[in-house]
PDB file of N, CA and C in Angstrom:
ATOM      1  N   MET A   1       6.076  -0.857 -52.159  1.00  0.00           N
ATOM      2  CA  MET A   1       5.657  -1.940 -53.008  1.00  0.00           C
ATOM      3  C   MET A   1       6.841  -2.417 -53.843  1.00  0.00           C
ATOM      4  N   ALA A   2       7.041  -3.687 -53.921  1.00  0.00           N
ATOM      5  CA  ALA A   2       8.166  -4.259 -54.664  1.00  0.00           C
ATOM      6  C   ALA A   2       7.851  -4.292 -56.149  1.00  0.00           C
ATOM      7  N   ALA A   3       8.880  -4.133 -56.952  1.00  0.00           N
ATOM      8  CA  ALA A   3       8.723  -4.212 -58.405  1.00  0.00           C
ATOM      9  C   ALA A   3       8.435  -5.647 -58.802  1.00  0.00           C
ATOM     10  N   ASP A   4       7.655  -5.818 -59.837  1.00  0.00           N
ATOM     11  CA  ASP A   4       7.321  -7.137 -60.334  1.00  0.00           C
ATOM     12  C   ASP A   4       8.530  -7.729 -61.037  1.00  0.00           C
ATOM     13  N   SER A   5       8.994  -8.880 -60.541  1.00  0.00           N
ATOM     14  CA  SER A   5      10.175  -9.513 -61.122  1.00  0.00           C
ATOM     15  C   SER A   5       9.832 -10.409 -62.300  1.00  0.00           C
ATOM     16  N   GLY A   6       8.533 -10.579 -62.531  1.00  0.00           N
ATOM     17  CA  GLY A   6       8.130 -11.463 -63.608  1.00  0.00           C
ATOM     18  C   GLY A   6       8.006 -12.911 -63.183  1.00  0.00           C
ATOM     19  N   HIS A   7       8.314 -13.216 -61.928  1.00  0.00           N
ATOM     20  CA  HIS A   7       8.209 -14.571 -61.409  1.00  0.00           C
ATOM     21  C   HIS A   7       6.960 -14.667 -60.551  1.00  0.00           C
ATOM     22  N   ALA A   8       6.151 -15.659 -60.820  1.00  0.00           N
ATOM     23  CA  ALA A   8       4.968 -15.881 -59.987  1.00  0.00           C
ATOM     24  C   ALA A   8       5.382 -16.607 -58.725  1.00  0.00           C
ATOM     25  N   GLU A   9       5.015 -16.051 -57.581  1.00  0.00           N
ATOM     26  CA  GLU A   9       5.310 -16.692 -56.305  1.00  0.00           C
ATOM     27  C   GLU A   9       4.012 -16.854 -55.537  1.00  0.00           C
ATOM     28  N   SER A  10       3.855 -17.960 -54.871  1.00  0.00           N
ATOM     29  CA  SER A  10       2.698 -18.196 -54.039  1.00  0.00           C
ATOM     30  C   SER A  10       2.766 -17.276 -52.828  1.00  0.00           C
ATOM     31  N   VAL A  11       1.629 -16.774 -52.412  1.00  0.00           N
ATOM     32  CA  VAL A  11       1.571 -15.917 -51.237  1.00  0.00           C
ATOM     33  C   VAL A  11       2.026 -16.694 -49.998  1.00  0.00           C
ATOM     34  N   ASN A  12       1.805 -17.999 -49.980  1.00  0.00           N
ATOM     35  CA  ASN A  12       2.155 -18.825 -48.829  1.00  0.00           C
ATOM     36  C   ASN A  12       3.600 -19.297 -48.857  1.00  0.00           C
ATOM     37  N   GLU A  13       4.335 -18.993 -49.920  1.00  0.00           N
ATOM     38  CA  GLU A  13       5.723 -19.431 -50.033  1.00  0.00           C
ATOM     39  C   GLU A  13       6.660 -18.366 -49.520  1.00  0.00           C
ATOM     40  N   PRO A  14       7.505 -18.698 -48.516  1.00  0.00           N
ATOM     41  CA  PRO A  14       8.471 -17.710 -48.055  1.00  0.00           C
ATOM     42  C   PRO A  14       9.402 -17.318 -49.199  1.00  0.00           C
ATOM     43  N   ILE A  15       9.705 -16.045 -49.308  1.00  0.00           N
ATOM     44  CA  ILE A  15      10.570 -15.541 -50.372  1.00  0.00           C
ATOM     45  C   ILE A  15      11.959 -16.137 -50.226  1.00  0.00           C
ATOM     46  N   GLY A  16      12.498 -16.607 -51.342  1.00  0.00           N
ATOM     47  CA  GLY A  16      13.842 -17.161 -51.332  1.00  0.00           C
ATOM     48  C   GLY A  16      13.920 -18.587 -50.831  1.00  0.00           C
ATOM     49  N   HIS A  17      12.795 -19.169 -50.489  1.00  0.00           N
ATOM     50  CA  HIS A  17      12.774 -20.543 -49.991  1.00  0.00           C
ATOM     51  C   HIS A  17      11.637 -21.303 -50.657  1.00  0.00           C
ATOM     52  N   PRO A  18      11.831 -21.781 -51.878  1.00  0.00           N
ATOM     53  CA  PRO A  18      10.766 -22.523 -52.527  1.00  0.00           C
ATOM     54  C   PRO A  18      10.411 -23.745 -51.703  1.00  0.00           C
ATOM     55  N   THR A  19       9.125 -23.980 -51.535  1.00  0.00           N
ATOM     56  CA  THR A  19       8.680 -25.058 -50.663  1.00  0.00           C
ATOM     57  C   THR A  19       8.565 -26.390 -51.357  1.00  0.00           C
ATOM     58  N   GLY A  20       8.607 -26.397 -52.678  1.00  0.00           N
ATOM     59  CA  GLY A  20       8.534 -27.655 -53.398  1.00  0.00           C
ATOM     60  C   GLY A  20       7.250 -28.417 -53.130  1.00  0.00           C
ATOM     61  N   GLY A  21       6.161 -27.695 -52.914  1.00  0.00           N
ATOM     62  CA  GLY A  21       4.879 -28.342 -52.690  1.00  0.00           C
ATOM     63  C   GLY A  21       4.633 -28.774 -51.252  1.00  0.00           C
ATOM     64  N   LEU A  22       5.449 -28.326 -50.333  1.00  0.00           N
ATOM     65  CA  LEU A  22       5.260 -28.667 -48.924  1.00  0.00           C
ATOM     66  C   LEU A  22       4.077 -27.891 -48.361  1.00  0.00           C
ATOM     67  N   PRO A  23       3.399 -28.462 -47.364  1.00  0.00           N
ATOM     68  CA  PRO A  23       2.318 -27.715 -46.706  1.00  0.00           C
ATOM     69  C   PRO A  23       2.864 -26.420 -46.099  1.00  0.00           C
ATOM     70  N   THR A  24       2.071 -25.374 -46.126  1.00  0.00           N
ATOM     71  CA  THR A  24       2.501 -24.071 -45.630  1.00  0.00           C
ATOM     72  C   THR A  24       3.030 -24.124 -44.198  1.00  0.00           C
ATOM     73  N   PRO A  25       2.359 -24.806 -43.258  1.00  0.00           N
ATOM     74  CA  PRO A  25       2.905 -24.829 -41.886  1.00  0.00           C
ATOM     75  C   PRO A  25       4.317 -25.428 -41.822  1.00  0.00           C
ATOM     76  N   LEU A  26       4.563 -26.496 -42.573  1.00  0.00           N
ATOM     77  CA  LEU A  26       5.895 -27.102 -42.595  1.00  0.00           C
ATOM     78  C   LEU A  26       6.898 -26.148 -43.229  1.00  0.00           C
ATOM     79  N   ALA A  27       6.527 -25.520 -44.335  1.00  0.00           N
ATOM     80  CA  ALA A  27       7.416 -24.573 -45.000  1.00  0.00           C
ATOM     81  C   ALA A  27       7.783 -23.420 -44.063  1.00  0.00           C
ATOM     82  N   GLU A  28       6.821 -22.934 -43.309  1.00  0.00           N
ATOM     83  CA  GLU A  28       7.094 -21.843 -42.371  1.00  0.00           C
ATOM     84  C   GLU A  28       8.002 -22.299 -41.243  1.00  0.00           C
ATOM     85  N   THR A  29       7.777 -23.508 -40.748  1.00  0.00           N
ATOM     86  CA  THR A  29       8.625 -24.024 -39.672  1.00  0.00           C
ATOM     87  C   THR A  29      10.045 -24.248 -40.182  1.00  0.00           C
ATOM     88  N   LEU A  30      10.187 -24.713 -41.409  1.00  0.00           N
ATOM     89  CA  LEU A  30      11.522 -24.881 -41.984  1.00  0.00           C
ATOM     90  C   LEU A  30      12.246 -23.539 -42.072  1.00  0.00           C
ATOM     91  N   ARG A  31      11.506 -22.516 -42.374  1.00  0.00           N
ATOM     92  CA  ARG A  31      12.123 -21.191 -42.541  1.00  0.00           C
ATOM     93  C   ARG A  31      12.446 -20.529 -41.197  1.00  0.00           C
ATOM     94  N   TYR A  32      11.532 -20.654 -40.233  1.00  0.00           N
ATOM     95  CA  TYR A  32      11.666 -19.883 -38.996  1.00  0.00           C
ATOM     96  C   TYR A  32      12.059 -20.706 -37.768  1.00  0.00           C
ATOM     97  N   GLY A  33      11.966 -22.032 -37.869  1.00  0.00           N
ATOM     98  CA  GLY A  33      12.391 -22.886 -36.762  1.00  0.00           C
ATOM     99  C   GLY A  33      11.347 -23.016 -35.680  1.00  0.00           C
ATOM    100  N   PRO A  34      11.744 -23.562 -34.585  1.00  0.00           N
ATOM    101  CA  PRO A  34      13.070 -24.060 -34.249  1.00  0.00           C
ATOM    102  C   PRO A  34      13.386 -25.376 -34.965  1.00  0.00           C
ATOM    103  N   PHE A  35      14.662 -25.740 -34.967  1.00  0.00           N
ATOM    104  CA  PHE A  35      15.128 -26.913 -35.693  1.00  0.00           C
ATOM    105  C   PHE A  35      14.362 -28.175 -35.299  1.00  0.00           C
ATOM    106  N   HIS A  36      14.204 -28.417 -34.000  1.00  0.00           N
ATOM    107  CA  HIS A  36      13.571 -29.668 -33.569  1.00  0.00           C
ATOM    108  C   HIS A  36      12.135 -29.775 -34.064  1.00  0.00           C
ATOM    109  N   ARG A  37      11.421 -28.676 -34.072  1.00  0.00           N
ATOM    110  CA  ARG A  37      10.039 -28.714 -34.561  1.00  0.00           C
ATOM    111  C   ARG A  37      10.006 -28.955 -36.071  1.00  0.00           C
ATOM    112  N   ALA A  38      10.905 -28.298 -36.799  1.00  0.00           N
ATOM    113  CA  ALA A  38      10.971 -28.495 -38.250  1.00  0.00           C
ATOM    114  C   ALA A  38      11.303 -29.947 -38.580  1.00  0.00           C
ATOM    115  N   LEU A  39      12.254 -30.518 -37.859  1.00  0.00           N
ATOM    116  CA  LEU A  39      12.621 -31.917 -38.093  1.00  0.00           C
ATOM    117  C   LEU A  39      11.445 -32.838 -37.792  1.00  0.00           C
ATOM    118  N   ARG A  40      10.809 -32.626 -36.668  1.00  0.00           N
ATOM    119  CA  ARG A  40       9.664 -33.472 -36.278  1.00  0.00           C
ATOM    120  C   ARG A  40       8.547 -33.393 -37.318  1.00  0.00           C
ATOM    121  N   GLU A  41       8.230 -32.172 -37.766  1.00  0.00           N
ATOM    122  CA  GLU A  41       7.153 -32.003 -38.755  1.00  0.00           C
ATOM    123  C   GLU A  41       7.534 -32.614 -40.103  1.00  0.00           C
ATOM    124  N   ALA A  42       8.789 -32.482 -40.501  1.00  0.00           N
ATOM    125  CA  ALA A  42       9.237 -33.047 -41.782  1.00  0.00           C
ATOM    126  C   ALA A  42       9.197 -34.570 -41.743  1.00  0.00           C
ATOM    127  N   ILE A  43       9.587 -35.150 -40.626  1.00  0.00           N
ATOM    128  CA  ILE A  43       9.538 -36.608 -40.480  1.00  0.00           C
ATOM    129  C   ILE A  43       8.087 -37.087 -40.542  1.00  0.00           C
ATOM    130  N   ALA A  44       7.206 -36.391 -39.840  1.00  0.00           N
ATOM    131  CA  ALA A  44       5.786 -36.763 -39.849  1.00  0.00           C
ATOM    132  C   ALA A  44       5.194 -36.615 -41.247  1.00  0.00           C
ATOM    133  N   HIS A  45       5.548 -35.535 -41.947  1.00  0.00           N
ATOM    134  CA  HIS A  45       5.041 -35.309 -43.300  1.00  0.00           C
ATOM    135  C   HIS A  45       5.482 -36.429 -44.240  1.00  0.00           C
ATOM    136  N   ARG A  46       6.696 -36.888 -44.081  1.00  0.00           N
ATOM    137  CA  ARG A  46       7.240 -37.959 -44.935  1.00  0.00           C
ATOM    138  C   ARG A  46       6.704 -39.335 -44.514  1.00  0.00           C
ATOM    139  N   GLY A  47       6.213 -39.431 -43.265  1.00  0.00           N
ATOM    140  CA  GLY A  47       5.619 -40.682 -42.798  1.00  0.00           C
ATOM    141  C   GLY A  47       6.636 -41.753 -42.455  1.00  0.00           C
ATOM    142  N   LEU A  48       7.816 -41.340 -42.009  1.00  0.00           N
ATOM    143  CA  LEU A  48       8.860 -42.312 -41.677  1.00  0.00           C
ATOM    144  C   LEU A  48       9.011 -42.457 -40.168  1.00  0.00           C
ATOM    145  N   SER A  49       9.325 -43.668 -39.746  1.00  0.00           N
ATOM    146  CA  SER A  49       9.735 -43.870 -38.360  1.00  0.00           C
ATOM    147  C   SER A  49      11.199 -43.454 -38.271  1.00  0.00           C
ATOM    148  N   LEU A  50      11.688 -43.271 -37.060  1.00  0.00           N
ATOM    149  CA  LEU A  50      13.102 -42.928 -36.912  1.00  0.00           C
ATOM    150  C   LEU A  50      13.999 -44.057 -37.405  1.00  0.00           C
ATOM    151  N   ALA A  51      13.559 -45.291 -37.220  1.00  0.00           N
ATOM    152  CA  ALA A  51      14.344 -46.434 -37.696  1.00  0.00           C
ATOM    153  C   ALA A  51      14.458 -46.411 -39.220  1.00  0.00           C
ATOM    154  N   ARG A  52      13.351 -46.134 -39.906  1.00  0.00           N
ATOM    155  CA  ARG A  52      13.384 -46.070 -41.375  1.00  0.00           C
ATOM    156  C   ARG A  52      14.213 -44.872 -41.849  1.00  0.00           C
ATOM    157  N   LEU A  53      14.063 -43.750 -41.158  1.00  0.00           N
ATOM    158  CA  LEU A  53      14.842 -42.566 -41.500  1.00  0.00           C
ATOM    159  C   LEU A  53      16.331 -42.864 -41.383  1.00  0.00           C
ATOM    160  N   ARG A  54      16.726 -43.492 -40.296  1.00  0.00           N
ATOM    161  CA  ARG A  54      18.124 -43.850 -40.088  1.00  0.00           C
ATOM    162  C   ARG A  54      18.609 -44.795 -41.181  1.00  0.00           C
ATOM    163  N   ALA A  55      17.764 -45.749 -41.581  1.00  0.00           N
ATOM    164  CA  ALA A  55      18.138 -46.694 -42.641  1.00  0.00           C
ATOM    165  C   ALA A  55      18.345 -45.970 -43.973  1.00  0.00           C
ATOM    166  N   HIS A  56      17.481 -45.020 -44.281  1.00  0.00           N
ATOM    167  CA  HIS A  56      17.638 -44.231 -45.513  1.00  0.00           C
ATOM    168  C   HIS A  56      18.937 -43.422 -45.472  1.00  0.00           C
ATOM    169  N   LEU A  57      19.228 -42.840 -44.324  1.00  0.00           N
ATOM    170  CA  LEU A  57      20.469 -42.074 -44.182  1.00  0.00           C
ATOM    171  C   LEU A  57      21.680 -42.979 -44.374  1.00  0.00           C
ATOM    172  N   GLU A  58      21.588 -44.175 -43.828  1.00  0.00           N
ATOM    173  CA  GLU A  58      22.695 -45.130 -43.963  1.00  0.00           C
ATOM    174  C   GLU A  58      22.930 -45.484 -45.427  1.00  0.00           C
ATOM    175  N   GLN A  59      21.859 -45.598 -46.212  1.00  0.00           N
ATOM    176  CA  GLN A  59      22.003 -45.879 -47.639  1.00  0.00           C
ATOM    177  C   GLN A  59      22.741 -44.753 -48.364  1.00  0.00           C
ATOM    178  N   LEU A  60      22.674 -43.548 -47.797  1.00  0.00           N
ATOM    179  CA  LEU A  60      23.394 -42.409 -48.370  1.00  0.00           C
ATOM    180  C   LEU A  60      24.802 -42.291 -47.802  1.00  0.00           C
ATOM    181  N   GLY A  61      25.181 -43.259 -46.965  1.00  0.00           N
ATOM    182  CA  GLY A  61      26.517 -43.259 -46.388  1.00  0.00           C
ATOM    183  C   GLY A  61      26.659 -42.416 -45.132  1.00  0.00           C
ATOM    184  N   VAL A  62      25.536 -42.044 -44.534  1.00  0.00           N
ATOM    185  CA  VAL A  62      25.550 -41.206 -43.339  1.00  0.00           C
ATOM    186  C   VAL A  62      25.210 -42.065 -42.128  1.00  0.00           C
ATOM    187  N   GLN A  63      26.138 -42.116 -41.200  1.00  0.00           N
ATOM    188  CA  GLN A  63      25.953 -42.891 -39.976  1.00  0.00           C
ATOM    189  C   GLN A  63      25.468 -41.962 -38.862  1.00  0.00           C
ATOM    190  N   VAL A  64      24.271 -42.192 -38.385  1.00  0.00           N
ATOM    191  CA  VAL A  64      23.725 -41.420 -37.263  1.00  0.00           C
ATOM    192  C   VAL A  64      22.836 -42.360 -36.464  1.00  0.00           C
ATOM    193  N   GLY A  65      22.935 -42.267 -35.167  1.00  0.00           N
ATOM    194  CA  GLY A  65      22.152 -43.143 -34.303  1.00  0.00           C
ATOM    195  C   GLY A  65      20.696 -42.735 -34.238  1.00  0.00           C
ATOM    196  N   GLN A  66      19.847 -43.719 -34.072  1.00  0.00           N
ATOM    197  CA  GLN A  66      18.417 -43.456 -33.918  1.00  0.00           C
ATOM    198  C   GLN A  66      18.178 -42.593 -32.674  1.00  0.00           C
ATOM    199  N   SER A  67      18.953 -42.829 -31.619  1.00  0.00           N
ATOM    200  CA  SER A  67      18.805 -42.023 -30.406  1.00  0.00           C
ATOM    201  C   SER A  67      19.180 -40.563 -30.679  1.00  0.00           C
ATOM    202  N   THR A  68      20.190 -40.336 -31.521  1.00  0.00           N
ATOM    203  CA  THR A  68      20.573 -38.969 -31.874  1.00  0.00           C
ATOM    204  C   THR A  68      19.433 -38.276 -32.613  1.00  0.00           C
ATOM    205  N   LEU A  69      18.831 -38.963 -33.566  1.00  0.00           N
ATOM    206  CA  LEU A  69      17.692 -38.394 -34.290  1.00  0.00           C
ATOM    207  C   LEU A  69      16.549 -38.075 -33.333  1.00  0.00           C
ATOM    208  N   SER A  70      16.319 -38.958 -32.378  1.00  0.00           N
ATOM    209  CA  SER A  70      15.278 -38.739 -31.381  1.00  0.00           C
ATOM    210  C   SER A  70      15.569 -37.507 -30.535  1.00  0.00           C
ATOM    211  N   TYR A  71      16.814 -37.377 -30.080  1.00  0.00           N
ATOM    212  CA  TYR A  71      17.202 -36.197 -29.303  1.00  0.00           C
ATOM    213  C   TYR A  71      17.011 -34.921 -30.125  1.00  0.00           C
ATOM    214  N   TRP A  72      17.395 -34.970 -31.389  1.00  0.00           N
ATOM    215  CA  TRP A  72      17.263 -33.801 -32.251  1.00  0.00           C
ATOM    216  C   TRP A  72      15.806 -33.397 -32.431  1.00  0.00           C
ATOM    217  N   GLN A  73      14.934 -34.366 -32.677  1.00  0.00           N
ATOM    218  CA  GLN A  73      13.543 -34.009 -32.943  1.00  0.00           C
ATOM    219  C   GLN A  73      12.792 -33.595 -31.683  1.00  0.00           C
ATOM    220  N   ARG A  74      13.321 -33.936 -30.530  1.00  0.00           N
ATOM    221  CA  ARG A  74      12.696 -33.520 -29.263  1.00  0.00           C
ATOM    222  C   ARG A  74      13.328 -32.248 -28.708  1.00  0.00           C
ATOM    223  N   GLY A  75      14.365 -31.744 -29.364  1.00  0.00           N
ATOM    224  CA  GLY A  75      14.999 -30.517 -28.923  1.00  0.00           C
ATOM    225  C   GLY A  75      15.945 -30.695 -27.745  1.00  0.00           C
ATOM    226  N   LEU A  76      16.296 -31.941 -27.436  1.00  0.00           N
ATOM    227  CA  LEU A  76      17.203 -32.198 -26.327  1.00  0.00           C
ATOM    228  C   LEU A  76      18.659 -31.965 -26.719  1.00  0.00           C
ATOM    229  N   ARG A  77      18.924 -32.098 -28.008  1.00  0.00           N
ATOM    230  CA  ARG A  77      20.258 -31.821 -28.568  1.00  0.00           C
ATOM    231  C   ARG A  77      20.061 -31.221 -29.948  1.00  0.00           C
ATOM    232  N   HIS A  78      21.132 -30.604 -30.443  1.00  0.00           N
ATOM    233  CA  HIS A  78      21.115 -30.006 -31.778  1.00  0.00           C
ATOM    234  C   HIS A  78      22.313 -30.525 -32.551  1.00  0.00           C
ATOM    235  N   PRO A  79      22.203 -30.571 -33.887  1.00  0.00           N
ATOM    236  CA  PRO A  79      23.368 -30.970 -34.687  1.00  0.00           C
ATOM    237  C   PRO A  79      24.540 -30.040 -34.406  1.00  0.00           C
ATOM    238  N   GLU A  80      25.712 -30.615 -34.244  1.00  0.00           N
ATOM    239  CA  GLU A  80      26.909 -29.817 -33.997  1.00  0.00           C
ATOM    240  C   GLU A  80      27.535 -29.413 -35.320  1.00  0.00           C
ATOM    241  N   VAL A  81      27.619 -28.119 -35.523  1.00  0.00           N
ATOM    242  CA  VAL A  81      28.210 -27.575 -36.739  1.00  0.00           C
ATOM    243  C   VAL A  81      29.718 -27.508 -36.533  1.00  0.00           C
ATOM    244  N   PRO A  82      30.560 -27.799 -37.445  1.00  0.00           N
ATOM    245  CA  PRO A  82      30.301 -28.185 -38.833  1.00  0.00           C
ATOM    246  C   PRO A  82      30.196 -29.685 -39.035  1.00  0.00           C
ATOM    247  N   ARG A  83      30.424 -30.453 -37.988  1.00  0.00           N
ATOM    248  CA  ARG A  83      30.464 -31.905 -38.116  1.00  0.00           C
ATOM    249  C   ARG A  83      29.171 -32.499 -38.663  1.00  0.00           C
ATOM    250  N   ALA A  84      28.029 -31.933 -38.304  1.00  0.00           N
ATOM    251  CA  ALA A  84      26.748 -32.531 -38.672  1.00  0.00           C
ATOM    252  C   ALA A  84      26.144 -31.961 -39.951  1.00  0.00           C
ATOM    253  N   ILE A  85      26.837 -31.051 -40.616  1.00  0.00           N
ATOM    254  CA  ILE A  85      26.281 -30.446 -41.831  1.00  0.00           C
ATOM    255  C   ILE A  85      25.924 -31.503 -42.867  1.00  0.00           C
ATOM    256  N   SER A  86      26.795 -32.480 -43.072  1.00  0.00           N
ATOM    257  CA  SER A  86      26.503 -33.524 -44.073  1.00  0.00           C
ATOM    258  C   SER A  86      25.279 -34.342 -43.653  1.00  0.00           C
ATOM    259  N   THR A  87      25.102 -34.543 -42.371  1.00  0.00           N
ATOM    260  CA  THR A  87      23.927 -35.284 -41.885  1.00  0.00           C
ATOM    261  C   THR A  87      22.660 -34.479 -42.133  1.00  0.00           C
ATOM    262  N   VAL A  88      22.697 -33.191 -41.855  1.00  0.00           N
ATOM    263  CA  VAL A  88      21.524 -32.339 -42.074  1.00  0.00           C
ATOM    264  C   VAL A  88      21.187 -32.282 -43.564  1.00  0.00           C
ATOM    265  N   ARG A  89      22.202 -32.184 -44.416  1.00  0.00           N
ATOM    266  CA  ARG A  89      21.959 -32.186 -45.873  1.00  0.00           C
ATOM    267  C   ARG A  89      21.329 -33.514 -46.318  1.00  0.00           C
ATOM    268  N   ALA A  90      21.801 -34.616 -45.749  1.00  0.00           N
ATOM    269  CA  ALA A  90      21.226 -35.922 -46.072  1.00  0.00           C
ATOM    270  C   ALA A  90      19.783 -36.015 -45.571  1.00  0.00           C
ATOM    271  N   LEU A  91      19.506 -35.436 -44.415  1.00  0.00           N
ATOM    272  CA  LEU A  91      18.130 -35.398 -43.907  1.00  0.00           C
ATOM    273  C   LEU A  91      17.223 -34.665 -44.891  1.00  0.00           C
ATOM    274  N   GLU A  92      17.703 -33.556 -45.441  1.00  0.00           N
ATOM    275  CA  GLU A  92      16.919 -32.819 -46.436  1.00  0.00           C
ATOM    276  C   GLU A  92      16.596 -33.704 -47.637  1.00  0.00           C
ATOM    277  N   THR A  93      17.574 -34.483 -48.055  1.00  0.00           N
ATOM    278  CA  THR A  93      17.369 -35.373 -49.204  1.00  0.00           C
ATOM    279  C   THR A  93      16.331 -36.438 -48.879  1.00  0.00           C
ATOM    280  N   VAL A  94      16.517 -37.146 -47.782  1.00  0.00           N
ATOM    281  CA  VAL A  94      15.616 -38.234 -47.411  1.00  0.00           C
ATOM    282  C   VAL A  94      14.203 -37.722 -47.139  1.00  0.00           C
ATOM    283  N   LEU A  95      14.106 -36.563 -46.496  1.00  0.00           N
ATOM    284  CA  LEU A  95      12.790 -36.014 -46.146  1.00  0.00           C
ATOM    285  C   LEU A  95      12.183 -35.215 -47.280  1.00  0.00           C
ATOM    286  N   ARG A  96      12.886 -35.179 -48.433  1.00  0.00           N
ATOM    287  CA  ARG A  96      12.410 -34.488 -49.637  1.00  0.00           C
ATOM    288  C   ARG A  96      12.122 -33.013 -49.364  1.00  0.00           C
ATOM    289  N   LEU A  97      13.109 -32.367 -48.748  1.00  0.00           N
ATOM    290  CA  LEU A  97      13.008 -30.954 -48.434  1.00  0.00           C
ATOM    291  C   LEU A  97      13.877 -30.160 -49.401  1.00  0.00           C
ATOM    292  N   PRO A  98      13.552 -28.892 -49.593  1.00  0.00           N
ATOM    293  CA  PRO A  98      14.405 -28.063 -50.450  1.00  0.00           C
ATOM    294  C   PRO A  98      15.815 -27.966 -49.867  1.00  0.00           C
ATOM    295  N   PRO A  99      16.832 -27.887 -50.705  1.00  0.00           N
ATOM    296  CA  PRO A  99      18.199 -27.725 -50.207  1.00  0.00           C
ATOM    297  C   PRO A  99      18.327 -26.489 -49.322  1.00  0.00           C
ATOM    298  N   SER A 100      19.113 -26.609 -48.272  1.00  0.00           N
ATOM    299  CA  SER A 100      19.386 -25.523 -47.329  1.00  0.00           C
ATOM    300  C   SER A 100      18.150 -25.015 -46.606  1.00  0.00           C
ATOM    301  N   SER A 101      17.149 -25.879 -46.499  1.00  0.00           N
ATOM    302  CA  SER A 101      15.936 -25.462 -45.807  1.00  0.00           C
ATOM    303  C   SER A 101      16.046 -25.664 -44.316  1.00  0.00           C
TER     304      SER A 101
END
């Protein structure tokens, strides 16, 4: 049994990954993956089309093709590290996800 740290945590919240009010299934997918499923669920939760998502990213100075986003959410391709780290961080911002989720 773990010692009480004095912090209240939701039973549905993965430890070390605050969900910021996200639905439990999305929070779990963000934590455990796979990436394409987490991206697809986050986009659906936010209610954005890929075109709108791309436009929001562009406003943040991130250039990414709509086809690339489509490939990523279907699992046909994955972001290439380290080049795509800034894009993934911008996706977290636009999709209102916790940092490093």
